[in-house]
Protein backbone atom coordinates (compact mmCIF):
# COMPACT_ATOMS: atom_id res chain seq x y z
CA UNK A 1 56.83 -35.38 -76.18
CA UNK A 2 54.92 -32.14 -76.73
CA UNK A 3 51.60 -34.00 -76.26
CA UNK A 4 52.84 -35.37 -72.96
CA UNK A 5 53.75 -31.90 -71.72
CA UNK A 6 50.41 -30.52 -72.85
CA UNK A 7 48.69 -33.21 -70.79
CA UNK A 8 50.33 -31.95 -67.59
CA UNK A 9 47.96 -29.98 -65.37
CA UNK A 10 48.70 -26.45 -64.33
CA UNK A 11 48.92 -27.58 -60.71
CA UNK A 12 51.78 -30.01 -61.54
CA UNK A 13 54.12 -27.32 -62.83
CA UNK A 14 55.04 -25.55 -59.57
CA UNK A 15 56.27 -28.74 -58.01
CA UNK A 16 58.85 -29.22 -60.74
CA UNK A 17 59.64 -25.64 -61.70
CA UNK A 18 60.88 -22.94 -59.35
CA UNK A 19 61.09 -19.26 -60.38
CA UNK A 20 64.64 -18.23 -61.25
CA UNK A 21 65.81 -15.22 -59.24
CA UNK A 22 68.89 -13.58 -60.71
CA UNK A 23 71.51 -12.86 -58.03
CA UNK A 24 72.04 -9.38 -59.31
CA UNK A 25 68.37 -8.47 -59.07
CA UNK A 26 67.01 -7.04 -55.83
CA UNK A 27 63.43 -7.74 -56.83
CA UNK A 28 61.32 -10.88 -56.75
CA UNK A 29 59.40 -12.44 -59.59
CA UNK A 30 56.34 -10.45 -58.57
CA UNK A 31 58.25 -7.22 -59.13
CA UNK A 32 58.53 -6.29 -55.48
CA UNK A 33 61.62 -5.26 -53.62
CA UNK A 34 63.15 -7.71 -51.18
CA UNK A 35 61.58 -7.63 -47.74
CA UNK A 36 58.19 -6.55 -49.09
CA UNK A 37 55.14 -8.70 -49.25
CA UNK A 38 53.63 -9.51 -52.61
CA UNK A 39 50.00 -9.23 -51.50
CA UNK A 40 49.59 -5.48 -52.08
CA UNK A 41 46.82 -3.68 -53.89
CA UNK A 42 48.63 -4.02 -57.23
CA UNK A 43 49.04 -7.75 -56.83
CA UNK A 44 45.37 -8.11 -55.94
CA UNK A 45 44.45 -6.13 -59.00
CA UNK A 46 46.64 -8.32 -61.21
CA UNK A 47 45.21 -11.45 -59.66
CA UNK A 48 41.69 -10.21 -60.18
CA UNK A 49 42.46 -9.44 -63.86
CA UNK A 50 44.07 -12.82 -64.33
CA UNK A 51 41.11 -14.50 -62.74
CA UNK A 52 38.75 -12.63 -65.03
CA UNK A 53 40.80 -13.68 -68.07
CA UNK A 54 40.98 -17.27 -66.88
CA UNK A 55 37.25 -17.35 -66.69
CA UNK A 56 37.15 -16.85 -70.49
CA UNK A 57 40.08 -19.05 -71.35
CA UNK A 58 40.66 -22.71 -70.97
CA UNK A 59 43.76 -24.00 -69.15
CA UNK A 60 45.19 -25.27 -72.48
CA UNK A 61 45.03 -21.84 -74.04
CA UNK A 62 47.25 -20.18 -71.44
CA UNK A 63 50.23 -20.55 -73.80
CA UNK A 64 50.32 -19.42 -77.45
CA UNK A 65 50.47 -22.29 -79.94
CA UNK A 66 51.78 -22.36 -83.45
CA UNK A 67 50.34 -24.14 -86.33
CA UNK A 68 51.95 -27.41 -85.27
CA UNK A 69 50.24 -27.16 -81.86
CA UNK A 70 53.46 -26.41 -79.92
CA UNK A 71 53.63 -23.80 -77.25
CA UNK A 72 55.50 -20.63 -78.05
CA UNK A 73 58.72 -20.68 -75.99
CA UNK A 74 60.14 -17.42 -77.24
CA UNK A 75 60.68 -16.43 -73.56
CA UNK A 76 62.58 -19.61 -72.88
CA UNK A 77 62.31 -21.69 -69.72
CA UNK A 78 62.34 -18.66 -67.43
CA UNK A 79 59.34 -17.10 -69.18
CA UNK A 80 57.39 -20.35 -69.00
CA UNK A 81 58.05 -20.68 -65.28
CA UNK A 82 57.11 -17.07 -64.62
CA UNK A 83 53.79 -17.53 -66.39
CA UNK A 84 53.21 -20.77 -64.54
CA UNK A 85 53.97 -19.22 -61.13
CA UNK A 86 51.71 -16.25 -61.86
CA UNK A 87 48.94 -18.60 -62.88
CA UNK A 88 49.39 -20.66 -59.74
CA UNK A 89 49.29 -17.53 -57.59
CA UNK A 90 46.06 -16.46 -59.19
CA UNK A 91 44.44 -19.84 -58.69
CA UNK A 92 45.76 -20.18 -55.16
CA UNK A 93 44.53 -16.73 -54.10
CA UNK A 94 41.16 -17.32 -55.69
CA UNK A 95 40.82 -20.66 -53.95
CA UNK A 96 42.34 -19.31 -50.75
CA UNK A 97 39.90 -16.41 -50.71
CA UNK A 98 36.99 -18.83 -50.88
CA UNK A 99 38.42 -21.00 -48.12
CA UNK A 100 39.34 -18.07 -45.92
CA UNK A 101 35.90 -16.46 -45.75
CA UNK A 102 34.05 -19.42 -44.24
CA UNK A 103 36.90 -19.99 -41.81
CA UNK A 104 36.85 -16.36 -40.82
CA UNK A 105 33.09 -16.54 -40.42
CA UNK A 106 33.33 -19.67 -38.34
CA UNK A 107 35.85 -18.00 -36.09
CA UNK A 108 33.55 -14.99 -35.90
CA UNK A 109 30.75 -17.27 -34.70
CA UNK A 110 32.96 -18.70 -32.03
CA UNK A 111 34.22 -15.29 -31.01
CA UNK A 112 30.86 -13.48 -30.77
CA UNK A 113 29.38 -15.45 -27.86
CA UNK A 114 32.55 -15.43 -25.82
CA UNK A 115 33.13 -11.73 -26.21
CA UNK A 116 29.44 -10.95 -25.76
CA UNK A 117 29.63 -12.53 -22.34
CA UNK A 118 32.39 -10.06 -21.55
CA UNK A 119 30.19 -7.23 -22.71
CA UNK A 120 32.22 -6.58 -25.93
CA UNK A 121 30.74 -5.67 -29.25
CA UNK A 122 32.21 -7.77 -32.08
CA UNK A 123 32.14 -6.62 -35.70
CA UNK A 124 33.33 -9.30 -38.10
CA UNK A 125 33.28 -8.16 -41.70
CA UNK A 126 33.76 -10.63 -44.52
CA UNK A 127 35.74 -9.40 -47.52
CA UNK A 128 34.10 -11.52 -50.21
CA UNK A 129 30.70 -9.93 -50.48
CA UNK A 130 31.40 -6.58 -48.73
CA UNK A 131 28.09 -6.93 -46.96
CA UNK A 132 27.29 -6.41 -43.26
CA UNK A 133 24.94 -8.46 -41.17
CA UNK A 134 23.73 -7.51 -37.69
CA UNK A 135 22.77 -10.30 -35.38
CA UNK A 136 21.54 -9.27 -31.94
CA UNK A 137 22.82 -11.50 -29.19
CA UNK A 138 21.84 -11.34 -25.52
CA UNK A 139 24.17 -12.84 -22.94
CA UNK A 140 24.78 -12.36 -19.22
CA UNK A 141 22.07 -9.74 -19.03
CA UNK A 142 23.72 -7.50 -21.64
CA UNK A 143 21.53 -6.48 -24.56
CA UNK A 144 22.02 -4.73 -27.84
CA UNK A 145 25.28 -6.34 -29.00
CA UNK A 146 25.92 -6.45 -32.74
CA UNK A 147 27.66 -9.38 -34.36
CA UNK A 148 28.42 -8.78 -38.05
CA UNK A 149 29.76 -11.51 -40.26
CA UNK A 150 29.61 -12.63 -43.87
CA UNK A 151 29.72 -16.11 -45.36
CA UNK A 152 29.59 -16.50 -49.14
CA UNK A 153 27.56 -13.31 -49.49
CA UNK A 154 24.70 -14.88 -47.47
CA UNK A 155 23.12 -13.62 -44.21
CA UNK A 156 23.57 -15.63 -41.04
CA UNK A 157 20.35 -17.53 -40.49
CA UNK A 158 18.44 -18.06 -37.29
CA UNK A 159 20.13 -21.40 -36.70
CA UNK A 160 23.49 -19.69 -36.52
CA UNK A 161 22.21 -17.21 -33.94
CA UNK A 162 20.75 -20.04 -31.90
CA UNK A 163 24.05 -21.89 -32.03
CA UNK A 164 25.83 -18.75 -30.91
CA UNK A 165 23.43 -18.39 -28.00
CA UNK A 166 24.15 -21.98 -26.99
CA UNK A 167 27.85 -21.31 -27.08
CA UNK A 168 27.30 -18.19 -24.96
CA UNK A 169 25.64 -20.24 -22.26
CA UNK A 170 28.66 -22.52 -22.24
CA UNK A 171 31.01 -19.56 -22.17
CA UNK A 172 29.15 -18.05 -19.20
CA UNK A 173 29.94 -21.11 -17.10
CA UNK A 174 33.65 -20.92 -17.74
CA UNK A 175 34.18 -17.23 -18.49
CA UNK A 176 35.62 -14.70 -16.09
CA UNK A 177 33.22 -13.65 -13.32
CA UNK A 178 34.76 -10.32 -12.39
CA UNK A 179 32.48 -8.30 -14.64
CA UNK A 180 29.46 -10.27 -13.46
CA UNK A 181 30.29 -9.35 -9.89
CA UNK A 182 30.75 -5.73 -10.88
CA UNK A 183 27.42 -5.83 -12.68
CA UNK A 184 25.77 -7.25 -9.57
CA UNK A 185 27.39 -4.55 -7.47
CA UNK A 186 26.19 -1.89 -9.89
CA UNK A 187 22.67 -3.34 -9.89
CA UNK A 188 22.68 -3.58 -6.12
CA UNK A 189 23.93 -0.04 -5.87
CA UNK A 190 21.18 1.20 -8.16
CA UNK A 191 18.53 -0.65 -6.16
CA UNK A 192 19.91 0.67 -2.90
CA UNK A 193 19.96 4.19 -4.31
CA UNK A 194 16.39 3.82 -5.56
CA UNK A 195 15.32 2.50 -2.15
CA UNK A 196 16.97 5.45 -0.45
CA UNK A 197 15.24 7.87 -2.81
CA UNK A 198 11.87 6.16 -2.26
CA UNK A 199 12.47 6.09 1.48
CA UNK A 200 13.36 9.77 1.49
CA UNK A 201 10.18 10.52 -0.44
CA UNK A 202 8.08 8.50 2.00
CA UNK A 203 9.72 10.15 4.99
CA UNK A 204 9.14 13.57 3.44
CA UNK A 205 5.50 12.76 2.81
CA UNK A 206 5.01 11.54 6.39
CA UNK A 207 6.68 14.64 7.77
CA UNK A 208 4.39 16.83 5.67
CA UNK A 209 1.35 14.84 6.85
CA UNK A 210 2.58 15.06 10.44
CA UNK A 211 2.80 18.82 10.15
CA UNK A 212 -0.65 19.05 8.64
CA UNK A 213 -2.29 16.81 11.27
CA UNK A 214 -0.71 18.83 14.06
CA UNK A 215 -2.28 21.91 12.54
CA UNK A 216 -5.65 20.10 12.48
CA UNK A 217 -5.32 19.18 16.15
CA UNK A 218 -4.51 22.77 16.97
CA UNK A 219 -7.60 23.94 15.09
CA UNK A 220 -9.75 21.38 16.94
CA UNK A 221 -8.53 22.56 20.33
CA UNK A 222 -11.26 24.25 22.34
CA UNK A 223 -10.22 27.56 23.83
CA UNK A 224 -10.22 27.61 27.61
CA UNK A 225 -12.45 30.70 27.81
CA UNK A 226 -15.01 29.09 25.50
CA UNK A 227 -14.88 25.89 27.51
CA UNK A 228 -15.43 27.61 30.85
CA UNK A 229 -18.23 29.80 29.54
CA UNK A 230 -20.10 26.87 27.97
CA UNK A 231 -19.67 24.57 30.97
CA UNK A 232 -20.88 27.27 33.33
CA UNK A 233 -24.00 27.79 31.25
CA UNK A 234 -24.71 24.05 31.08
CA UNK A 235 -24.15 23.50 34.79
CA UNK A 236 -26.68 26.21 35.64
CA UNK A 237 -29.37 24.58 33.53
CA UNK A 238 -28.60 21.02 34.68
CA UNK A 239 -28.59 21.91 38.35
CA UNK A 240 -32.00 23.56 37.99
CA UNK A 241 -33.42 20.51 36.17
CA UNK A 242 -32.06 18.00 38.70
CA UNK A 243 -33.54 19.92 41.61
CA UNK A 244 -36.94 20.12 39.97
CA UNK A 245 -36.97 16.44 38.93
CA UNK A 246 -35.93 15.18 42.36
CA UNK A 247 -38.77 17.16 43.94
CA UNK A 248 -41.39 15.38 41.88
CA UNK A 249 -44.43 14.71 44.13
CA UNK A 250 -44.66 11.02 43.22
CA UNK A 251 -41.05 10.63 44.35
CA UNK A 252 -40.07 8.23 41.54
CA UNK A 253 -36.90 10.21 40.85
CA UNK A 254 -36.15 11.34 44.35
CA UNK A 255 -32.77 9.54 44.45
CA UNK A 256 -31.49 10.63 41.07
CA UNK A 257 -27.94 11.79 40.50
CA UNK A 258 -26.27 13.45 37.57
CA UNK A 259 -23.40 11.63 35.87
CA UNK A 260 -21.52 13.64 33.22
CA UNK A 261 -20.48 11.55 30.23
CA UNK A 262 -19.67 11.92 26.60
CA UNK A 263 -16.83 13.45 24.62
CA UNK A 264 -16.77 16.82 26.38
CA UNK A 265 -16.11 15.28 29.77
CA UNK A 266 -13.69 12.78 28.22
CA UNK A 267 -11.72 15.75 26.86
CA UNK A 268 -12.00 14.53 23.27
CA UNK A 269 -14.62 17.03 22.15
CA UNK A 270 -13.58 18.74 18.94
CA UNK A 271 -14.04 22.20 17.45
CA UNK A 272 -16.63 23.74 19.78
CA UNK A 273 -18.10 23.03 23.24
CA UNK A 274 -21.55 22.65 21.73
CA UNK A 275 -22.59 19.14 22.87
CA UNK A 276 -23.04 17.88 26.43
CA UNK A 277 -24.33 14.55 27.73
CA UNK A 278 -25.66 14.21 31.29
CA UNK A 279 -26.96 10.90 32.62
CA UNK A 280 -29.82 11.11 35.13
CA UNK A 281 -29.22 7.93 37.09
CA UNK A 282 -31.97 6.12 38.98
CA UNK A 283 -30.77 3.39 41.36
CA UNK A 284 -32.66 0.08 41.21
CA UNK A 285 -32.26 -3.02 43.35
CA UNK A 286 -33.08 -6.71 43.01
CA UNK A 287 -33.83 -6.72 39.32
CA UNK A 288 -33.62 -9.48 36.72
CA UNK A 289 -32.00 -8.64 33.39
CA UNK A 290 -33.52 -10.81 30.68
CA UNK A 291 -31.60 -10.81 27.38
CA UNK A 292 -33.74 -9.83 24.43
CA UNK A 293 -31.22 -10.82 21.77
CA UNK A 294 -28.43 -13.36 21.49
CA UNK A 295 -25.85 -10.55 21.25
CA UNK A 296 -26.48 -9.58 24.89
CA UNK A 297 -26.84 -5.82 24.48
CA UNK A 298 -30.60 -5.34 25.00
CA UNK A 299 -32.61 -6.40 28.04
CA UNK A 300 -36.02 -6.52 29.62
CA UNK A 301 -36.03 -5.53 33.29
CA UNK A 302 -38.22 -7.16 35.92
CA UNK A 303 -38.21 -6.79 39.70
CA UNK A 304 -37.47 -9.91 41.71
CA UNK A 305 -39.59 -8.52 44.51
CA UNK A 306 -41.17 -5.10 44.16
CA UNK A 307 -42.46 -3.56 47.39
CA UNK A 308 -45.87 -2.02 47.27
CA UNK A 309 -44.57 1.38 48.21
CA UNK A 310 -41.88 1.43 45.54
CA UNK A 311 -42.54 4.54 43.37
CA UNK A 312 -41.23 2.74 40.27
CA UNK A 313 -44.08 0.25 40.46
CA UNK A 314 -46.25 2.64 38.46
CA UNK A 315 -44.01 2.07 35.42
CA UNK A 316 -44.32 -1.74 35.48
CA UNK A 317 -46.27 -3.18 32.56
CA UNK A 318 -46.91 -6.94 32.29
CA UNK A 319 -44.25 -7.58 34.87
CA UNK A 320 -41.61 -5.53 33.03
CA UNK A 321 -40.29 -2.08 33.82
CA UNK A 322 -41.33 0.04 30.84
CA UNK A 323 -38.56 2.19 29.41
CA UNK A 324 -40.98 4.26 27.37
CA UNK A 325 -43.20 5.14 30.32
CA UNK A 326 -40.29 6.25 32.46
CA UNK A 327 -38.76 8.33 29.67
CA UNK A 328 -42.08 10.04 28.91
CA UNK A 329 -42.51 10.99 32.56
CA UNK A 330 -38.98 12.40 32.70
CA UNK A 331 -39.68 14.42 29.59
CA UNK A 332 -42.76 16.01 31.15
CA UNK A 333 -40.82 16.99 34.23
CA UNK A 334 -38.03 18.59 32.16
CA UNK A 335 -40.50 20.58 30.07
CA UNK A 336 -42.12 21.95 33.22
CA UNK A 337 -38.74 22.75 34.72
CA UNK A 338 -37.65 24.70 31.65
CA UNK A 339 -40.77 26.84 31.89
CA UNK A 340 -39.68 27.98 35.31
CA UNK A 341 -36.30 29.17 34.07
CA UNK A 342 -35.88 32.93 33.85
CA UNK A 343 -33.71 32.43 30.79
CA UNK A 344 -35.92 32.18 27.75
CA UNK A 345 -33.10 30.93 25.53
CA UNK A 346 -33.53 27.32 26.75
CA UNK A 347 -36.05 25.08 25.01
CA UNK A 348 -36.82 21.38 24.68
CA UNK A 349 -36.58 19.92 21.17
CA UNK A 350 -39.00 17.47 19.63
CA UNK A 351 -38.68 13.84 20.60
CA UNK A 352 -36.34 11.80 18.42
CA UNK A 353 -37.53 8.25 17.65
CA UNK A 354 -35.40 5.69 19.47
CA UNK A 355 -33.39 8.26 21.39
CA UNK A 356 -32.79 7.56 25.10
CA UNK A 357 -32.42 11.26 25.87
CA UNK A 358 -34.45 14.42 26.29
CA UNK A 359 -32.62 17.05 24.24
CA UNK A 360 -32.49 20.74 25.10
CA UNK A 361 -31.05 23.66 23.16
CA UNK A 362 -29.34 26.43 25.12
CA UNK A 363 -28.87 29.76 23.37
CA UNK A 364 -27.39 33.01 24.55
CA UNK A 365 -24.23 34.94 23.87
CA UNK A 366 -22.07 31.83 23.59
CA UNK A 367 -22.28 29.14 20.93
CA UNK A 368 -25.57 27.26 20.56
CA UNK A 369 -25.39 24.25 22.89
CA UNK A 370 -27.12 20.88 22.60
CA UNK A 371 -27.76 19.21 25.97
CA UNK A 372 -28.86 15.55 26.19
CA UNK A 373 -30.46 14.47 29.48
CA UNK A 374 -30.24 10.66 29.39
CA UNK A 375 -32.34 8.50 31.70
CA UNK A 376 -30.31 5.59 33.13
CA UNK A 377 -31.01 2.79 35.60
CA UNK A 378 -28.08 2.17 37.93
CA UNK A 379 -27.74 -1.57 38.60
CA UNK A 380 -25.42 -2.50 41.49
CA UNK A 381 -24.91 -6.17 40.82
CA UNK A 382 -22.76 -8.50 38.74
CA UNK A 383 -22.38 -7.63 35.11
CA UNK A 384 -24.36 -9.76 32.61
CA UNK A 385 -22.80 -12.94 31.24
CA UNK A 386 -22.45 -11.36 27.78
CA UNK A 387 -19.70 -9.10 29.15
CA UNK A 388 -17.47 -11.91 30.47
CA UNK A 389 -15.15 -12.00 27.46
CA UNK A 390 -15.16 -8.26 26.94
CA UNK A 391 -12.99 -5.49 28.33
CA UNK A 392 -9.71 -7.27 27.47
CA UNK A 393 -7.45 -4.61 28.95
CA UNK A 394 -5.04 -6.81 30.93
CA UNK A 395 -2.05 -6.02 28.68
CA UNK A 396 -3.06 -2.40 28.28
CA UNK A 397 -4.29 -1.07 31.64
CA UNK A 398 -3.71 -4.12 33.81
CA UNK A 399 -5.62 -6.96 35.44
CA UNK A 400 -6.24 -5.02 38.64
CA UNK A 401 -7.83 -2.16 36.74
CA UNK A 402 -10.12 -4.57 34.91
CA UNK A 403 -11.18 -6.16 38.18
CA UNK A 404 -11.91 -2.74 39.65
CA UNK A 405 -13.98 -1.74 36.63
CA UNK A 406 -16.11 -4.86 36.85
CA UNK A 407 -16.94 -4.06 40.47
CA UNK A 408 -18.58 -0.82 39.39
CA UNK A 409 -22.32 -0.79 38.66
CA UNK A 410 -23.54 -0.90 35.08
CA UNK A 411 -26.30 1.21 33.56
CA UNK A 412 -29.36 0.57 31.41
CA UNK A 413 -30.72 3.27 29.13
CA UNK A 414 -34.12 3.29 27.36
CA UNK A 415 -32.81 2.42 23.91
CA UNK A 416 -34.80 0.30 21.51
CA UNK A 417 -33.29 -2.48 19.47
CA UNK A 418 -32.80 -1.30 15.87
CA UNK A 419 -34.03 -4.56 14.31
CA UNK A 420 -36.75 -7.12 14.94
CA UNK A 421 -36.20 -10.17 17.13
CA UNK A 422 -38.12 -13.34 17.94
CA UNK A 423 -36.11 -14.52 20.93
CA UNK A 424 -37.92 -16.11 23.90
CA UNK A 425 -41.65 -16.63 23.81
CA UNK A 426 -42.13 -14.35 20.85
CA UNK A 427 -41.44 -10.93 19.51
CA UNK A 428 -40.68 -8.56 22.37
CA UNK A 429 -42.16 -5.11 22.61
CA UNK A 430 -39.52 -2.50 21.96
CA UNK A 431 -41.20 -0.10 24.35
CA UNK A 432 -39.95 -2.06 27.33
CA UNK A 433 -36.39 -2.55 26.09
CA UNK A 434 -33.25 -1.27 27.79
CA UNK A 435 -29.74 -1.21 26.41
CA UNK A 436 -26.70 -1.79 28.61
CA UNK A 437 -24.28 1.14 28.88
CA UNK A 438 -20.70 1.44 30.13
CA UNK A 439 -20.16 5.11 29.36
CA UNK A 440 -18.79 5.71 32.87
CA UNK A 441 -16.07 3.04 32.32
CA UNK A 442 -15.31 4.43 28.86
CA UNK A 443 -14.76 7.83 30.40
CA UNK A 444 -12.31 6.37 32.92
CA UNK A 445 -10.36 4.57 30.19
CA UNK A 446 -10.10 7.69 28.04
CA UNK A 447 -9.02 9.85 30.95
CA UNK A 448 -6.50 7.27 32.23
CA UNK A 449 -5.45 5.72 28.96
CA UNK A 450 -1.75 5.11 29.54
CA UNK A 451 0.00 1.80 29.99
CA UNK A 452 2.10 3.72 32.50
CA UNK A 453 -0.08 5.36 35.13
CA UNK A 454 1.58 8.73 34.63
CA UNK A 455 1.04 8.91 30.85
CA UNK A 456 0.14 12.43 29.72
CA UNK A 457 0.35 13.80 33.26
CA UNK A 458 2.16 17.05 33.90
CA UNK A 459 5.92 16.50 33.70
CA UNK A 460 5.53 12.96 32.34
CA UNK A 461 5.83 11.41 28.90
CA UNK A 462 2.99 12.04 26.45
CA UNK A 463 1.12 9.93 23.92
CA UNK A 464 -1.11 10.69 20.93
CA UNK A 465 -4.04 8.32 21.59
CA UNK A 466 -6.56 11.08 22.19
CA UNK A 467 -5.23 13.12 19.26
CA UNK A 468 -5.72 10.15 16.92
CA UNK A 469 -9.28 9.72 18.19
CA UNK A 470 -10.00 13.39 17.56
CA UNK A 471 -8.69 13.12 14.01
CA UNK A 472 -10.78 10.05 13.24
CA UNK A 473 -13.88 11.68 14.72
CA UNK A 474 -13.21 14.80 12.67
CA UNK A 475 -12.84 12.77 9.49
CA UNK A 476 -16.16 10.99 10.09
CA UNK A 477 -17.84 14.28 10.97
CA UNK A 478 -16.66 16.02 7.78
CA UNK A 479 -17.61 13.05 5.61
CA UNK A 480 -21.08 12.99 7.15
CA UNK A 481 -21.48 16.68 6.33
CA UNK A 482 -20.75 15.91 2.67
CA UNK A 483 -22.78 12.68 2.52
CA UNK A 484 -25.47 12.88 5.23
CA UNK A 485 -27.83 10.30 3.77
CA UNK A 486 -25.21 7.69 2.93
CA UNK A 487 -23.43 7.95 6.28
CA UNK A 488 -26.46 8.49 8.50
CA UNK A 489 -25.67 5.42 10.65
CA UNK A 490 -21.98 6.24 11.15
CA UNK A 491 -21.23 7.90 14.47
CA UNK A 492 -18.38 8.88 16.76
CA UNK A 493 -18.96 5.79 18.91
CA UNK A 494 -17.58 3.69 16.05
CA UNK A 495 -14.38 5.74 16.21
CA UNK A 496 -14.10 5.40 20.01
CA UNK A 497 -14.63 1.64 19.91
CA UNK A 498 -11.99 1.35 17.20
CA UNK A 499 -9.53 3.21 19.44
CA UNK A 500 -10.20 0.86 22.36
CA UNK A 501 -9.44 -2.18 20.21
CA UNK A 502 -6.33 -0.47 18.82
CA UNK A 503 -5.07 0.25 22.35
CA UNK A 504 -5.40 -3.44 23.15
CA UNK A 505 -3.43 -4.34 20.02
CA UNK A 506 -0.79 -1.67 20.71
CA UNK A 507 -0.82 -1.31 24.52
CA UNK A 508 2.57 0.32 25.13
CA UNK A 509 2.78 4.09 25.45
CA UNK A 510 5.85 4.23 23.19
CA UNK A 511 3.67 2.87 20.37
CA UNK A 512 1.74 6.16 20.46
CA UNK A 513 4.50 8.76 20.54
CA UNK A 514 3.34 12.31 19.72
CA UNK A 515 6.16 12.76 17.19
CA UNK A 516 4.69 9.78 15.26
CA UNK A 517 1.22 11.32 15.05
CA UNK A 518 0.86 10.73 11.31
CA UNK A 519 1.87 7.08 11.49
CA UNK A 520 -0.31 6.40 14.53
CA UNK A 521 -3.33 8.06 12.94
CA UNK A 522 -2.89 6.11 9.71
CA UNK A 523 -2.67 2.90 11.73
CA UNK A 524 -5.88 3.76 13.56
CA UNK A 525 -7.50 4.59 10.23
CA UNK A 526 -6.35 1.20 8.91
CA UNK A 527 -7.98 -0.44 11.92
CA UNK A 528 -11.24 1.38 11.19
CA UNK A 529 -11.24 0.47 7.49
CA UNK A 530 -10.43 -3.16 8.34
CA UNK A 531 -13.54 -3.29 10.53
CA UNK A 532 -15.56 -1.80 7.67
CA UNK A 533 -14.22 -4.31 5.15
CA UNK A 534 -15.06 -7.23 7.44
CA UNK A 535 -18.35 -5.61 8.50
CA UNK A 536 -17.36 -6.49 12.05
CA UNK A 537 -16.74 -4.07 14.93
CA UNK A 538 -17.34 -5.89 18.23
CA UNK A 539 -18.64 -3.85 21.14
CA UNK A 540 -15.68 -3.42 23.47
CA UNK A 541 -17.61 -4.71 26.51
CA UNK A 542 -19.91 -7.15 24.69
CA UNK A 543 -17.86 -9.00 22.01
CA UNK A 544 -20.92 -10.78 20.63
CA UNK A 545 -22.58 -7.47 19.73
CA UNK A 546 -21.47 -6.25 16.31
CA UNK A 547 -21.79 -2.49 15.86
CA UNK A 548 -21.57 -2.94 12.08
CA UNK A 549 -24.25 -5.60 11.83
CA UNK A 550 -25.63 -5.60 8.29
CA UNK A 551 -29.17 -5.36 9.71
CA UNK A 552 -28.40 -1.82 10.84
CA UNK A 553 -25.36 -0.90 8.76
CA UNK A 554 -25.84 -1.12 5.01
CA UNK A 555 -22.98 -2.91 3.20
CA UNK A 556 -23.23 -0.66 0.16
CA UNK A 557 -22.84 2.39 2.36
CA UNK A 558 -19.84 0.73 4.02
CA UNK A 559 -18.20 0.35 0.62
CA UNK A 560 -18.93 3.97 -0.18
CA UNK A 561 -17.44 5.07 3.14
CA UNK A 562 -14.31 3.04 2.36
CA UNK A 563 -14.03 4.79 -1.00
CA UNK A 564 -14.47 8.22 0.61
CA UNK A 565 -11.73 7.48 3.13
CA UNK A 566 -9.33 6.11 0.53
CA UNK A 567 -9.86 9.15 -1.66
CA UNK A 568 -9.06 11.48 1.24
CA UNK A 569 -6.04 9.45 2.26
CA UNK A 570 -4.60 9.46 -1.26
CA UNK A 571 -4.82 13.26 -1.39
CA UNK A 572 -3.51 13.81 2.16
CA UNK A 573 -6.93 14.61 3.63
CA UNK A 574 -7.96 17.86 1.96
CA UNK A 575 -11.28 17.51 3.78
CA UNK A 576 -9.59 18.81 6.92
CA UNK A 577 -9.23 22.14 5.14
CA UNK A 578 -5.78 22.99 6.51
CA UNK A 579 -3.59 25.33 4.49
CA UNK A 580 -0.02 24.90 5.70
CA UNK A 581 1.21 27.93 3.78
CA UNK A 582 -0.93 30.18 5.94
CA UNK A 583 0.26 28.62 9.18
């Protein structure tokens, strides 16, 4: 019988034996008062001690045995059952502790993704190993969440984190969207705020640039007293020269007229009234204009029928009217005329190669003045075929204005082609070449530049077209002063042609409001740099003639000019030398 009882396992005893609780006692078998739980710190300590003892003792040795091998029952049945229940509690808690930790960890894995989607930081701490593990999980755009869990004193491996991330993706599809919407609102609000801040900064920068450019325009304005004094001095000299030239005994220039042109008379001269251009026009009739180049800008001139008594016949060479011969004769007449002037402050400068003008310098009390007397043939017949597709001002100034312009005569000046050509029967002599000129039409367009006929008139709305041209001319002028060799071929005519094209692109007067000076100037500067980048600036009247042809305009210098302009633009154009603090 005793052997049979000894063979019973410890786990079989609780099913048959129940702890006896005396009715008079208010305490349980664990020694706790009624209503209290038996899982306190003391119970855990006892369980831990029992577990430690059990580790060194076999299940059969839990009861004391006598020499006959029977268990000591000095406590009676109640004592045996108490020992058995205590043993069962120890084993159950030990086993339960092991089972609980993985379950708790598994629940922690399930909980981390779901709560991470909601933006909650989950800390799951396992009790078995008292160790903490941080696993960073990213979900729904939220970073830096810590998920701490313990499983059998081992760290969660990468596979567990990957599984958690997969569960997070599933949780995102079914989880609440309120916080996602709020996050989107917050992100949108931040972007909107950043855009407002950036916009405010851009507006502030444009306002500052606007203020600075207005100061530049004011500095470039020519004082009325200076203007009147200079123009008076120039008119005196020009009138004397025209009288003397027209009285030439050979009568070749008897019908000449003076035609003011250039920036001063277009009212876009900057800084000082120190440069004047006067065309000395010579009318010619029944001439043939033979194109020298395919661009259609340079011509040879021949008379269809030249009368014997025509004074210009003396300048015909091999059937062509020689530009060089006519210009040399005009130069002699001007030199003789200057000698007759009582004012010794006027002198003729040395001849410039390729220049169509005779240049004089006028001194005196006022600023030193440069006067160009340009020889020009006035041709009263249809414009050459190369101009047919040019002057596209229909949307800007109107079709009627274009028709009226094309009824005006055109002019030919003694300007040589800057590069060699082999058109026609062979290489043409540059000495006989003439270049077509529309400076008189350009002057009319600048003076009457508005889409509305009353633009910039007294009491009417204003525009900033001429101000933008002045600024671009000033920028080119200042850059040429700093880099004369690199920018030798850049001139103000490039700026004026750029403005004409820009007016065609933006024809309405409201596109050039004076209060938008900075924006309009930057747009015009963009137009100019675009032409430089493409190495293409078509002549406004002759679209096939490229003013930036690489045969006359070096590409490397174009790149350098682009860099100079970009550097100035980035720094808000310090080259203008305007100090706003002193204004």
